[in-house]
C-alpha cells in the first residue's frame, strides 16, 4: 500500500457534482410521487443469472448470506404488498468485475412504475437522464434500435439463426478470443458480441435504447410477439457514449414461469462450474400472491456521473474506487 492510497479517487469538484446529480434524481422521483425505499443488502438467496456472480458473506453464526447484486427481488416483494411506484439508491456488489467500467461495488438506482409499458418506462428513463444531467450536458432525443438489427448492422450476424460457431468466428475476426474453450452456447457468445463490439458503437450522437432481446436473454422480463411473429423479450438497455447505463424490463409476474427460468439458469451454472446459491423463494411467493402490472429499470449511477462529466473511468466518478476501499 502506498502513501497516496488514502486519497479519494474522484476530485472534490466531481464529488460535489455527483451529490448535486443525486439530489436532482431524488427531486425528479419526488415530483413523480415515487416512494424511496431501503431494502436489505444481505439476503439468504442470490440471483441465478449465469452472467452475474454474487459475493458471499459468512456471518460468525448462522447460514451464509449474499450481498445484493440488485435490490430487484425485495423491491418486487414490496410491489406485491401494494407499495406502488417506488425507487431505491443503493450499493450493489458483483464478484469478478473490474476495469474501466466495472468494479465489485457500485451504486445503482432502481425504480418501478405500475401500469407502465416498456415504452413508457423508456420515456421515463430519458426524462430522468435529462433531469440528472441538467446544466452539465444536453442530449439529443433518444433513439430506439431492436437487438436483432443492432447485432446485424455491427457484425453481419443474424441472431435468430446464427449458431455459437458463427458468433465466435465473428468475434475472432475482430481479434476477440476469450482464453480457453468455454463451451458457451450462442446466446453467451452473443452477449459477448454485444458487450465488446455492438454496445461500444452505440449512443455517441444520441442515447440509444436497444429493445426486443432474444427470449433466452429475457431474465425477469415478459415475452411478446413482434411484428414478424417472433417471440422477443420486453427488455431494453440504454447506451450513451458506447456505455450501457440502464437495463429495464416489463416485469414477469408469473411465478411458475419465473421458477422455470431460475431452474434453467441453475442448470447452466452447473454446466459451467459456477457457484450455486439458493433461489429466492420469497420472491416466488410474492409473484404467486400477485405482482401488479409494472415495468422496472436499474441504472448505474457511477456510470451516469462518468458520462455526464466526461470522465475517463468509473474510478474517477466514485469517492473511492474499489482498490482504495
C-alpha atoms as a PDB file:
ATOM      1  CA  UNK A   1       0.000   0.000   0.000  1.00  0.00           C
ATOM      2  CA  UNK A   2       1.390   3.393  -0.961  1.00  0.00           C
ATOM      3  CA  UNK A   3       1.157   6.618   0.961  1.00  0.00           C
ATOM      4  CA  UNK A   4      -1.396   8.001  -1.542  1.00  0.00           C
ATOM      5  CA  UNK A   5      -3.903   5.175  -1.074  1.00  0.00           C
ATOM      6  CA  UNK A   6      -5.936   7.153   1.468  1.00  0.00           C
ATOM      7  CA  UNK A   7      -6.875   9.846  -1.041  1.00  0.00           C
ATOM      8  CA  UNK A   8     -10.231   9.836  -2.870  1.00  0.00           C
ATOM      9  CA  UNK A   9     -10.193   8.604  -6.447  1.00  0.00           C
ATOM     10  CA  UNK A  10     -12.558  11.423  -7.501  1.00  0.00           C
ATOM     11  CA  UNK A  11     -11.779  15.126  -7.270  1.00  0.00           C
ATOM     12  CA  UNK A  12     -13.626  17.338  -4.826  1.00  0.00           C
ATOM     13  CA  UNK A  13     -15.484  19.009  -7.697  1.00  0.00           C
ATOM     14  CA  UNK A  14     -16.649  15.645  -9.070  1.00  0.00           C
ATOM     15  CA  UNK A  15     -17.857  14.611  -5.611  1.00  0.00           C
ATOM     16  CA  UNK A  16     -19.875  17.840  -5.327  1.00  0.00           C
ATOM     17  CA  UNK A  17     -21.317  17.430  -8.845  1.00  0.00           C
ATOM     18  CA  UNK A  18     -22.176  13.816  -8.047  1.00  0.00           C
ATOM     19  CA  UNK A  19     -24.091  14.931  -4.948  1.00  0.00           C
ATOM     20  CA  UNK A  20     -25.963  17.554  -6.979  1.00  0.00           C
ATOM     21  CA  UNK A  21     -26.893  14.961  -9.595  1.00  0.00           C
ATOM     22  CA  UNK A  22     -28.239  12.629  -6.934  1.00  0.00           C
ATOM     23  CA  UNK A  23     -30.268  15.475  -5.445  1.00  0.00           C
ATOM     24  CA  UNK A  24     -31.820  16.125  -8.880  1.00  0.00           C
ATOM     25  CA  UNK A  25     -32.610  12.405  -9.244  1.00  0.00           C
ATOM     26  CA  UNK A  26     -34.420  12.407  -5.903  1.00  0.00           C
ATOM     27  CA  UNK A  27     -36.242  15.627  -6.820  1.00  0.00           C
ATOM     28  CA  UNK A  28     -37.405  14.029 -10.077  1.00  0.00           C
ATOM     29  CA  UNK A  29     -38.789  10.999  -8.265  1.00  0.00           C
ATOM     30  CA  UNK A  30     -40.433  13.173  -5.601  1.00  0.00           C
ATOM     31  CA  UNK A  31     -42.180  15.193  -8.308  1.00  0.00           C
ATOM     32  CA  UNK A  32     -43.348  11.922  -9.877  1.00  0.00           C
ATOM     33  CA  UNK A  33     -44.627  10.679  -6.483  1.00  0.00           C
ATOM     34  CA  UNK A  34     -42.348   7.646  -6.209  1.00  0.00           C
ATOM     35  CA  UNK A  35     -41.642   6.350  -2.700  1.00  0.00           C
ATOM     36  CA  UNK A  36     -37.982   5.957  -1.732  1.00  0.00           C
ATOM     37  CA  UNK A  37     -37.420   2.551  -0.121  1.00  0.00           C
ATOM     38  CA  UNK A  38     -34.476   0.802   1.533  1.00  0.00           C
ATOM     39  CA  UNK A  39     -34.237  -2.986   1.435  1.00  0.00           C
ATOM     40  CA  UNK A  40     -31.628  -5.343   2.972  1.00  0.00           C
ATOM     41  CA  UNK A  41     -28.171  -5.524   1.429  1.00  0.00           C
ATOM     42  CA  UNK A  42     -27.717  -9.096   2.698  1.00  0.00           C
ATOM     43  CA  UNK A  43     -30.019 -11.892   1.568  1.00  0.00           C
ATOM     44  CA  UNK A  44     -30.420 -15.629   2.104  1.00  0.00           C
ATOM     45  CA  UNK A  45     -30.819 -16.003  -1.678  1.00  0.00           C
ATOM     46  CA  UNK A  46     -28.942 -14.809  -4.749  1.00  0.00           C
ATOM     47  CA  UNK A  47     -29.766 -14.302  -8.434  1.00  0.00           C
ATOM     48  CA  UNK A  48     -29.404 -17.323 -10.680  1.00  0.00           C
ATOM     49  CA  UNK A  49     -28.345 -15.329 -13.771  1.00  0.00           C
ATOM     50  CA  UNK A  50     -25.187 -17.016 -15.164  1.00  0.00           C
ATOM     51  CA  UNK A  51     -23.834 -13.612 -16.278  1.00  0.00           C
ATOM     52  CA  UNK A  52     -23.780 -12.266 -12.700  1.00  0.00           C
ATOM     53  CA  UNK A  53     -21.639 -13.585  -9.844  1.00  0.00           C
ATOM     54  CA  UNK A  54     -22.799 -12.707  -6.316  1.00  0.00           C
ATOM     55  CA  UNK A  55     -20.416 -12.216  -3.394  1.00  0.00           C
ATOM     56  CA  UNK A  56     -20.959 -14.482  -0.389  1.00  0.00           C
ATOM     57  CA  UNK A  57     -20.825 -13.166   3.179  1.00  0.00           C
ATOM     58  CA  UNK A  58     -20.467 -15.651   6.028  1.00  0.00           C
ATOM     59  CA  UNK A  59     -21.648 -14.440   9.449  1.00  0.00           C
ATOM     60  CA  UNK A  60     -19.953 -15.823  12.560  1.00  0.00           C
ATOM     61  CA  UNK A  61     -23.082 -17.855  13.207  1.00  0.00           C
ATOM     62  CA  UNK A  62     -25.962 -18.938  11.049  1.00  0.00           C
ATOM     63  CA  UNK A  63     -26.208 -19.674   7.326  1.00  0.00           C
ATOM     64  CA  UNK A  64     -24.340 -17.856   4.580  1.00  0.00           C
ATOM     65  CA  UNK A  65     -25.736 -14.621   3.203  1.00  0.00           C
ATOM     66  CA  UNK A  66     -25.236 -12.963  -0.152  1.00  0.00           C
ATOM     67  CA  UNK A  67     -24.528  -9.314  -0.880  1.00  0.00           C
ATOM     68  CA  UNK A  68     -27.165  -7.934  -3.215  1.00  0.00           C
ATOM     69  CA  UNK A  69     -26.337  -7.687  -6.917  1.00  0.00           C
ATOM     70  CA  UNK A  70     -29.518  -5.620  -7.297  1.00  0.00           C
ATOM     71  CA  UNK A  71     -32.420  -4.678  -4.988  1.00  0.00           C
ATOM     72  CA  UNK A  72     -34.849  -6.105  -7.566  1.00  0.00           C
ATOM     73  CA  UNK A  73     -36.195  -9.100  -5.639  1.00  0.00           C
ATOM     74  CA  UNK A  74     -37.107  -7.336  -2.369  1.00  0.00           C
ATOM     75  CA  UNK A  75     -38.499  -4.355  -4.284  1.00  0.00           C
ATOM     76  CA  UNK A  76     -40.827  -6.683  -6.173  1.00  0.00           C
ATOM     77  CA  UNK A  77     -41.965  -8.075  -2.838  1.00  0.00           C
ATOM     78  CA  UNK A  78     -42.855  -4.517  -1.831  1.00  0.00           C
ATOM     79  CA  UNK A  79     -44.767  -4.081  -5.088  1.00  0.00           C
ATOM     80  CA  UNK A  80     -46.702  -7.293  -4.440  1.00  0.00           C
ATOM     81  CA  UNK A  81     -47.526  -5.943  -0.959  1.00  0.00           C
ATOM     82  CA  UNK A  82     -49.049  -2.833  -2.553  1.00  0.00           C
ATOM     83  CA  UNK A  83     -46.366  -0.143  -2.034  1.00  0.00           C
ATOM     84  CA  UNK A  84     -46.903   1.257  -5.543  1.00  0.00           C
ATOM     85  CA  UNK A  85     -44.341   3.186  -7.584  1.00  0.00           C
ATOM     86  CA  UNK A  86     -41.007   3.173  -5.757  1.00  0.00           C
ATOM     87  CA  UNK A  87     -37.285   3.691  -6.166  1.00  0.00           C
ATOM     88  CA  UNK A  88     -34.040   2.932  -4.356  1.00  0.00           C
ATOM     89  CA  UNK A  89     -30.469   4.267  -4.430  1.00  0.00           C
ATOM     90  CA  UNK A  90     -28.108   1.673  -3.000  1.00  0.00           C
ATOM     91  CA  UNK A  91     -24.729  -0.070  -3.202  1.00  0.00           C
ATOM     92  CA  UNK A  92     -24.666  -3.354  -5.107  1.00  0.00           C
ATOM     93  CA  UNK A  93     -21.941  -5.981  -5.348  1.00  0.00           C
ATOM     94  CA  UNK A  94     -20.759  -8.333  -8.097  1.00  0.00           C
ATOM     95  CA  UNK A  95     -17.831 -10.702  -7.926  1.00  0.00           C
ATOM     96  CA  UNK A  96     -15.077 -10.818 -10.533  1.00  0.00           C
ATOM     97  CA  UNK A  97     -15.849  -7.422 -12.076  1.00  0.00           C
ATOM     98  CA  UNK A  98     -13.055  -4.892 -12.532  1.00  0.00           C
ATOM     99  CA  UNK A  99     -11.819  -2.487 -15.171  1.00  0.00           C
ATOM    100  CA  UNK A 100     -12.579   0.926 -16.635  1.00  0.00           C
ATOM    101  CA  UNK A 101     -16.348   0.407 -16.482  1.00  0.00           C
ATOM    102  CA  UNK A 102     -16.654  -2.266 -13.798  1.00  0.00           C
ATOM    103  CA  UNK A 103     -15.981  -2.780 -10.118  1.00  0.00           C
ATOM    104  CA  UNK A 104     -17.099  -5.202  -7.392  1.00  0.00           C
ATOM    105  CA  UNK A 105     -19.126  -2.440  -5.689  1.00  0.00           C
ATOM    106  CA  UNK A 106     -21.099   0.344  -7.357  1.00  0.00           C
ATOM    107  CA  UNK A 107     -24.182   2.496  -6.861  1.00  0.00           C
ATOM    108  CA  UNK A 108     -27.452   1.534  -8.516  1.00  0.00           C
ATOM    109  CA  UNK A 109     -30.680   3.473  -8.940  1.00  0.00           C
ATOM    110  CA  UNK A 110     -33.598   1.094  -9.415  1.00  0.00           C
ATOM    111  CA  UNK A 111     -37.225   2.041  -9.839  1.00  0.00           C
ATOM    112  CA  UNK A 112     -40.602   0.549 -10.714  1.00  0.00           C
ATOM    113  CA  UNK A 113     -43.686   2.047 -12.344  1.00  0.00           C
ATOM    114  CA  UNK A 114     -47.029   0.270 -12.010  1.00  0.00           C
ATOM    115  CA  UNK A 115     -49.159   0.228 -15.150  1.00  0.00           C
ATOM    116  CA  UNK A 116     -46.229   1.299 -17.344  1.00  0.00           C
ATOM    117  CA  UNK A 117     -45.334  -0.441 -20.582  1.00  0.00           C
ATOM    118  CA  UNK A 118     -41.672  -0.872 -21.513  1.00  0.00           C
ATOM    119  CA  UNK A 119     -42.031   2.038 -23.964  1.00  0.00           C
ATOM    120  CA  UNK A 120     -43.451   4.305 -21.239  1.00  0.00           C
ATOM    121  CA  UNK A 121     -40.595   3.360 -18.930  1.00  0.00           C
ATOM    122  CA  UNK A 122     -38.049   4.191 -21.639  1.00  0.00           C
ATOM    123  CA  UNK A 123     -39.522   7.693 -21.838  1.00  0.00           C
ATOM    124  CA  UNK A 124     -39.290   7.890 -18.050  1.00  0.00           C
ATOM    125  CA  UNK A 125     -35.601   6.894 -18.184  1.00  0.00           C
ATOM    126  CA  UNK A 126     -34.949   9.572 -20.793  1.00  0.00           C
ATOM    127  CA  UNK A 127     -36.619  12.223 -18.615  1.00  0.00           C
ATOM    128  CA  UNK A 128     -34.545  11.164 -15.625  1.00  0.00           C
ATOM    129  CA  UNK A 129     -31.382  11.309 -17.746  1.00  0.00           C
ATOM    130  CA  UNK A 130     -32.184  14.873 -18.733  1.00  0.00           C
ATOM    131  CA  UNK A 131     -33.043  15.885 -15.166  1.00  0.00           C
ATOM    132  CA  UNK A 132     -29.933  14.330 -13.600  1.00  0.00           C
ATOM    133  CA  UNK A 133     -27.525  15.924 -16.099  1.00  0.00           C
ATOM    134  CA  UNK A 134     -29.199  19.350 -16.280  1.00  0.00           C
ATOM    135  CA  UNK A 135     -26.571  22.062 -16.538  1.00  0.00           C
ATOM    136  CA  UNK A 136     -23.809  19.537 -17.212  1.00  0.00           C
ATOM    137  CA  UNK A 137     -24.675  18.005 -20.565  1.00  0.00           C
ATOM    138  CA  UNK A 138     -27.536  18.044 -23.065  1.00  0.00           C
ATOM    139  CA  UNK A 139     -28.662  15.076 -25.139  1.00  0.00           C
ATOM    140  CA  UNK A 140     -30.446  14.722 -28.452  1.00  0.00           C
ATOM    141  CA  UNK A 141     -33.737  12.787 -28.336  1.00  0.00           C
ATOM    142  CA  UNK A 142     -33.122   9.100 -27.691  1.00  0.00           C
ATOM    143  CA  UNK A 143     -33.327   6.570 -30.489  1.00  0.00           C
ATOM    144  CA  UNK A 144     -34.647   3.004 -30.342  1.00  0.00           C
ATOM    145  CA  UNK A 145     -32.921   0.075 -32.038  1.00  0.00           C
ATOM    146  CA  UNK A 146     -34.044  -3.568 -31.993  1.00  0.00           C
ATOM    147  CA  UNK A 147     -31.431  -6.011 -30.675  1.00  0.00           C
ATOM    148  CA  UNK A 148     -31.522  -8.079 -33.864  1.00  0.00           C
ATOM    149  CA  UNK A 149     -30.894  -5.023 -36.044  1.00  0.00           C
ATOM    150  CA  UNK A 150     -28.123  -3.710 -33.797  1.00  0.00           C
ATOM    151  CA  UNK A 151     -26.291  -7.059 -33.907  1.00  0.00           C
ATOM    152  CA  UNK A 152     -26.748  -7.465 -37.646  1.00  0.00           C
ATOM    153  CA  UNK A 153     -25.635  -3.930 -38.565  1.00  0.00           C
ATOM    154  CA  UNK A 154     -22.495  -4.132 -36.422  1.00  0.00           C
ATOM    155  CA  UNK A 155     -21.408  -7.675 -37.271  1.00  0.00           C
ATOM    156  CA  UNK A 156     -23.476  -9.140 -40.112  1.00  0.00           C
ATOM    157  CA  UNK A 157     -24.782 -11.803 -37.704  1.00  0.00           C
ATOM    158  CA  UNK A 158     -28.492 -12.658 -37.646  1.00  0.00           C
ATOM    159  CA  UNK A 159     -29.020 -13.577 -34.013  1.00  0.00           C
ATOM    160  CA  UNK A 160     -32.105 -15.652 -34.798  1.00  0.00           C
ATOM    161  CA  UNK A 161     -30.296 -18.168 -36.982  1.00  0.00           C
ATOM    162  CA  UNK A 162     -26.587 -17.946 -36.115  1.00  0.00           C
ATOM    163  CA  UNK A 163     -25.071 -20.751 -34.066  1.00  0.00           C
ATOM    164  CA  UNK A 164     -22.316 -20.467 -31.469  1.00  0.00           C
ATOM    165  CA  UNK A 165     -19.572 -21.154 -34.028  1.00  0.00           C
ATOM    166  CA  UNK A 166     -20.728 -18.319 -36.298  1.00  0.00           C
ATOM    167  CA  UNK A 167     -20.828 -15.757 -33.483  1.00  0.00           C
ATOM    168  CA  UNK A 168     -17.490 -16.949 -32.142  1.00  0.00           C
ATOM    169  CA  UNK A 169     -15.958 -16.583 -35.623  1.00  0.00           C
ATOM    170  CA  UNK A 170     -17.332 -13.048 -35.954  1.00  0.00           C
ATOM    171  CA  UNK A 171     -15.637 -12.144 -32.679  1.00  0.00           C
ATOM    172  CA  UNK A 172     -12.381 -13.838 -33.632  1.00  0.00           C
ATOM    173  CA  UNK A 173     -12.335 -11.872 -36.889  1.00  0.00           C
ATOM    174  CA  UNK A 174     -12.271  -8.732 -34.733  1.00  0.00           C
ATOM    175  CA  UNK A 175      -9.455 -10.059 -32.554  1.00  0.00           C
ATOM    176  CA  UNK A 176     -11.719 -11.000 -29.634  1.00  0.00           C
ATOM    177  CA  UNK A 177     -10.823 -14.508 -28.478  1.00  0.00           C
ATOM    178  CA  UNK A 178     -11.540 -15.389 -24.824  1.00  0.00           C
ATOM    179  CA  UNK A 179      -8.943 -17.604 -23.186  1.00  0.00           C
ATOM    180  CA  UNK A 180      -9.802 -21.298 -23.348  1.00  0.00           C
ATOM    181  CA  UNK A 181     -12.744 -23.140 -24.837  1.00  0.00           C
ATOM    182  CA  UNK A 182     -15.605 -22.018 -22.633  1.00  0.00           C
ATOM    183  CA  UNK A 183     -18.279 -24.268 -24.101  1.00  0.00           C
ATOM    184  CA  UNK A 184     -20.648 -21.341 -24.438  1.00  0.00           C
ATOM    185  CA  UNK A 185     -23.938 -21.518 -26.320  1.00  0.00           C
ATOM    186  CA  UNK A 186     -24.908 -18.986 -28.995  1.00  0.00           C
ATOM    187  CA  UNK A 187     -26.564 -16.626 -26.501  1.00  0.00           C
ATOM    188  CA  UNK A 188     -23.429 -16.415 -24.359  1.00  0.00           C
ATOM    189  CA  UNK A 189     -21.361 -15.555 -27.436  1.00  0.00           C
ATOM    190  CA  UNK A 190     -23.998 -13.007 -28.493  1.00  0.00           C
ATOM    191  CA  UNK A 191     -23.761 -11.409 -25.063  1.00  0.00           C
ATOM    192  CA  UNK A 192     -20.000 -11.016 -25.557  1.00  0.00           C
ATOM    193  CA  UNK A 193     -20.571  -9.637 -29.064  1.00  0.00           C
ATOM    194  CA  UNK A 194     -22.988  -7.049 -27.688  1.00  0.00           C
ATOM    195  CA  UNK A 195     -20.612  -6.037 -24.905  1.00  0.00           C
ATOM    196  CA  UNK A 196     -17.397  -5.946 -26.923  1.00  0.00           C
ATOM    197  CA  UNK A 197     -18.483  -4.857 -30.409  1.00  0.00           C
ATOM    198  CA  UNK A 198     -22.061  -3.635 -30.687  1.00  0.00           C
ATOM    199  CA  UNK A 199     -22.586  -1.652 -27.491  1.00  0.00           C
ATOM    200  CA  UNK A 200     -19.387   0.442 -27.716  1.00  0.00           C
ATOM    201  CA  UNK A 201     -20.574   1.798 -31.095  1.00  0.00           C
ATOM    202  CA  UNK A 202     -23.962   2.954 -29.763  1.00  0.00           C
ATOM    203  CA  UNK A 203     -25.128   6.227 -28.256  1.00  0.00           C
ATOM    204  CA  UNK A 204     -22.429   8.605 -29.485  1.00  0.00           C
ATOM    205  CA  UNK A 205     -24.768  11.002 -31.307  1.00  0.00           C
ATOM    206  CA  UNK A 206     -27.827  10.441 -29.136  1.00  0.00           C
ATOM    207  CA  UNK A 207     -28.823   7.985 -26.382  1.00  0.00           C
ATOM    208  CA  UNK A 208     -29.879   4.616 -27.828  1.00  0.00           C
ATOM    209  CA  UNK A 209     -32.331   2.136 -26.353  1.00  0.00           C
ATOM    210  CA  UNK A 210     -31.744  -1.423 -27.548  1.00  0.00           C
ATOM    211  CA  UNK A 211     -35.041  -3.347 -27.369  1.00  0.00           C
ATOM    212  CA  UNK A 212     -36.605  -6.727 -28.109  1.00  0.00           C
ATOM    213  CA  UNK A 213     -33.923  -9.068 -26.771  1.00  0.00           C
ATOM    214  CA  UNK A 214     -33.962 -12.792 -27.609  1.00  0.00           C
ATOM    215  CA  UNK A 215     -36.205 -14.883 -25.324  1.00  0.00           C
ATOM    216  CA  UNK A 216     -33.157 -16.696 -23.943  1.00  0.00           C
ATOM    217  CA  UNK A 217     -31.961 -13.323 -22.597  1.00  0.00           C
ATOM    218  CA  UNK A 218     -35.304 -12.331 -21.077  1.00  0.00           C
ATOM    219  CA  UNK A 219     -34.132 -12.799 -17.453  1.00  0.00           C
ATOM    220  CA  UNK A 220     -37.106 -11.426 -15.474  1.00  0.00           C
ATOM    221  CA  UNK A 221     -38.925  -9.815 -18.423  1.00  0.00           C
ATOM    222  CA  UNK A 222     -42.164 -10.771 -20.127  1.00  0.00           C
ATOM    223  CA  UNK A 223     -42.194 -12.103 -23.672  1.00  0.00           C
ATOM    224  CA  UNK A 224     -44.244 -10.715 -26.539  1.00  0.00           C
ATOM    225  CA  UNK A 225     -44.678 -11.414 -30.248  1.00  0.00           C
ATOM    226  CA  UNK A 226     -43.119  -8.815 -32.565  1.00  0.00           C
ATOM    227  CA  UNK A 227     -44.329  -7.677 -35.983  1.00  0.00           C
ATOM    228  CA  UNK A 228     -42.546 -10.604 -37.687  1.00  0.00           C
ATOM    229  CA  UNK A 229     -44.305 -13.140 -35.478  1.00  0.00           C
ATOM    230  CA  UNK A 230     -41.165 -13.910 -33.469  1.00  0.00           C
ATOM    231  CA  UNK A 231     -41.079 -14.105 -29.682  1.00  0.00           C
ATOM    232  CA  UNK A 232     -38.953 -11.355 -28.072  1.00  0.00           C
ATOM    233  CA  UNK A 233     -38.301 -10.201 -24.520  1.00  0.00           C
ATOM    234  CA  UNK A 234     -39.824  -6.921 -23.339  1.00  0.00           C
ATOM    235  CA  UNK A 235     -36.378  -5.828 -22.187  1.00  0.00           C
ATOM    236  CA  UNK A 236     -34.266  -2.798 -23.068  1.00  0.00           C
ATOM    237  CA  UNK A 237     -30.812  -1.405 -22.402  1.00  0.00           C
ATOM    238  CA  UNK A 238     -29.759   2.242 -22.632  1.00  0.00           C
ATOM    239  CA  UNK A 239     -26.418   3.192 -24.224  1.00  0.00           C
ATOM    240  CA  UNK A 240     -24.705   6.578 -24.039  1.00  0.00           C
ATOM    241  CA  UNK A 241     -21.189   7.133 -25.431  1.00  0.00           C
ATOM    242  CA  UNK A 242     -20.923   3.381 -26.036  1.00  0.00           C
ATOM    243  CA  UNK A 243     -21.568   2.681 -22.346  1.00  0.00           C
ATOM    244  CA  UNK A 244     -24.503   0.675 -21.052  1.00  0.00           C
ATOM    245  CA  UNK A 245     -26.267   2.818 -18.448  1.00  0.00           C
ATOM    246  CA  UNK A 246     -29.531   1.013 -17.740  1.00  0.00           C
ATOM    247  CA  UNK A 247     -31.302  -2.322 -18.087  1.00  0.00           C
ATOM    248  CA  UNK A 248     -35.097  -2.427 -17.939  1.00  0.00           C
ATOM    249  CA  UNK A 249     -37.945  -4.957 -18.151  1.00  0.00           C
ATOM    250  CA  UNK A 250     -41.669  -5.150 -18.386  1.00  0.00           C
ATOM    251  CA  UNK A 251     -41.726  -7.374 -15.371  1.00  0.00           C
ATOM    252  CA  UNK A 252     -42.693 -11.031 -15.421  1.00  0.00           C
ATOM    253  CA  UNK A 253     -45.412 -11.744 -12.879  1.00  0.00           C
ATOM    254  CA  UNK A 254     -45.863 -15.488 -13.480  1.00  0.00           C
ATOM    255  CA  UNK A 255     -44.385 -17.411 -10.528  1.00  0.00           C
ATOM    256  CA  UNK A 256     -44.335 -20.768 -12.328  1.00  0.00           C
ATOM    257  CA  UNK A 257     -42.555 -19.325 -15.380  1.00  0.00           C
ATOM    258  CA  UNK A 258     -40.070 -17.500 -13.151  1.00  0.00           C
ATOM    259  CA  UNK A 259     -39.302 -20.740 -11.283  1.00  0.00           C
ATOM    260  CA  UNK A 260     -38.762 -22.494 -14.618  1.00  0.00           C
ATOM    261  CA  UNK A 261     -36.310 -19.781 -15.718  1.00  0.00           C
ATOM    262  CA  UNK A 262     -34.459 -19.996 -12.407  1.00  0.00           C
ATOM    263  CA  UNK A 263     -34.140 -23.749 -12.982  1.00  0.00           C
ATOM    264  CA  UNK A 264     -32.726 -23.200 -16.471  1.00  0.00           C
ATOM    265  CA  UNK A 265     -30.210 -20.696 -15.093  1.00  0.00           C
ATOM    266  CA  UNK A 266     -29.059 -23.072 -12.369  1.00  0.00           C
ATOM    267  CA  UNK A 267     -28.640 -25.926 -14.854  1.00  0.00           C
ATOM    268  CA  UNK A 268     -26.429 -23.683 -16.996  1.00  0.00           C
ATOM    269  CA  UNK A 269     -24.431 -22.580 -13.960  1.00  0.00           C
ATOM    270  CA  UNK A 270     -23.799 -26.215 -13.073  1.00  0.00           C
ATOM    271  CA  UNK A 271     -22.613 -26.997 -16.586  1.00  0.00           C
ATOM    272  CA  UNK A 272     -20.210 -24.051 -16.410  1.00  0.00           C
ATOM    273  CA  UNK A 273     -18.955 -24.967 -12.947  1.00  0.00           C
ATOM    274  CA  UNK A 274     -20.288 -21.760 -11.374  1.00  0.00           C
ATOM    275  CA  UNK A 275     -21.372 -21.428  -7.756  1.00  0.00           C
ATOM    276  CA  UNK A 276     -24.957 -22.350  -6.916  1.00  0.00           C
ATOM    277  CA  UNK A 277     -26.852 -20.190  -4.433  1.00  0.00           C
ATOM    278  CA  UNK A 278     -30.411 -20.686  -3.142  1.00  0.00           C
ATOM    279  CA  UNK A 279     -33.139 -19.209  -5.313  1.00  0.00           C
ATOM    280  CA  UNK A 280     -35.368 -16.567  -3.761  1.00  0.00           C
ATOM    281  CA  UNK A 281     -38.453 -18.448  -2.582  1.00  0.00           C
ATOM    282  CA  UNK A 282     -39.829 -15.266  -1.018  1.00  0.00           C
ATOM    283  CA  UNK A 283     -39.810 -13.581  -4.422  1.00  0.00           C
ATOM    284  CA  UNK A 284     -41.626 -16.549  -5.948  1.00  0.00           C
ATOM    285  CA  UNK A 285     -44.186 -16.442  -3.145  1.00  0.00           C
ATOM    286  CA  UNK A 286     -44.703 -12.732  -3.794  1.00  0.00           C
ATOM    287  CA  UNK A 287     -45.220 -13.404  -7.509  1.00  0.00           C
ATOM    288  CA  UNK A 288     -47.700 -16.128  -6.564  1.00  0.00           C
ATOM    289  CA  UNK A 289     -49.573 -13.630  -4.390  1.00  0.00           C
ATOM    290  CA  UNK A 290     -49.716 -11.228  -7.341  1.00  0.00           C
ATOM    291  CA  UNK A 291     -47.320  -8.701  -8.814  1.00  0.00           C
ATOM    292  CA  UNK A 292     -49.082  -5.658 -10.258  1.00  0.00           C
ATOM    293  CA  UNK A 293     -48.562  -4.976 -13.950  1.00  0.00           C
ATOM    294  CA  UNK A 294     -45.360  -2.949 -13.896  1.00  0.00           C
ATOM    295  CA  UNK A 295     -42.059  -2.128 -15.553  1.00  0.00           C
ATOM    296  CA  UNK A 296     -38.750  -1.618 -13.777  1.00  0.00           C
ATOM    297  CA  UNK A 297     -35.245  -0.467 -14.568  1.00  0.00           C
ATOM    298  CA  UNK A 298     -31.795  -0.445 -12.957  1.00  0.00           C
ATOM    299  CA  UNK A 299     -29.397   2.401 -13.791  1.00  0.00           C
ATOM    300  CA  UNK A 300     -25.701   2.542 -12.911  1.00  0.00           C
ATOM    301  CA  UNK A 301     -25.302   5.886 -11.145  1.00  0.00           C
ATOM    302  CA  UNK A 302     -21.488   5.928 -11.220  1.00  0.00           C
ATOM    303  CA  UNK A 303     -21.583   5.431 -14.990  1.00  0.00           C
ATOM    304  CA  UNK A 304     -24.143   8.221 -15.281  1.00  0.00           C
ATOM    305  CA  UNK A 305     -21.780  10.559 -13.404  1.00  0.00           C
ATOM    306  CA  UNK A 306     -18.971   9.421 -15.698  1.00  0.00           C
ATOM    307  CA  UNK A 307     -20.800  10.273 -18.935  1.00  0.00           C
ATOM    308  CA  UNK A 308     -22.310  13.495 -17.559  1.00  0.00           C
ATOM    309  CA  UNK A 309     -18.896  14.871 -16.583  1.00  0.00           C
ATOM    310  CA  UNK A 310     -16.827  13.323 -19.395  1.00  0.00           C
ATOM    311  CA  UNK A 311     -14.687  11.261 -17.002  1.00  0.00           C
ATOM    312  CA  UNK A 312     -12.297   8.573 -18.282  1.00  0.00           C
ATOM    313  CA  UNK A 313     -13.323   5.717 -15.995  1.00  0.00           C
ATOM    314  CA  UNK A 314     -15.575   4.610 -13.179  1.00  0.00           C
ATOM    315  CA  UNK A 315     -12.929   5.198 -10.513  1.00  0.00           C
ATOM    316  CA  UNK A 316     -12.870   8.933 -11.210  1.00  0.00           C
ATOM    317  CA  UNK A 317     -16.663   9.100 -10.714  1.00  0.00           C
ATOM    318  CA  UNK A 318     -16.588   7.486  -7.235  1.00  0.00           C
ATOM    319  CA  UNK A 319     -15.350   8.849  -3.917  1.00  0.00           C
ATOM    320  CA  UNK A 320     -13.184   5.774  -3.503  1.00  0.00           C
ATOM    321  CA  UNK A 321     -12.545   3.170  -6.181  1.00  0.00           C
ATOM    322  CA  UNK A 322     -12.534  -0.438  -5.031  1.00  0.00           C
ATOM    323  CA  UNK A 323      -8.723  -0.566  -4.870  1.00  0.00           C
ATOM    324  CA  UNK A 324      -8.788   2.274  -2.300  1.00  0.00           C
ATOM    325  CA  UNK A 325     -11.591   0.879  -0.162  1.00  0.00           C
END
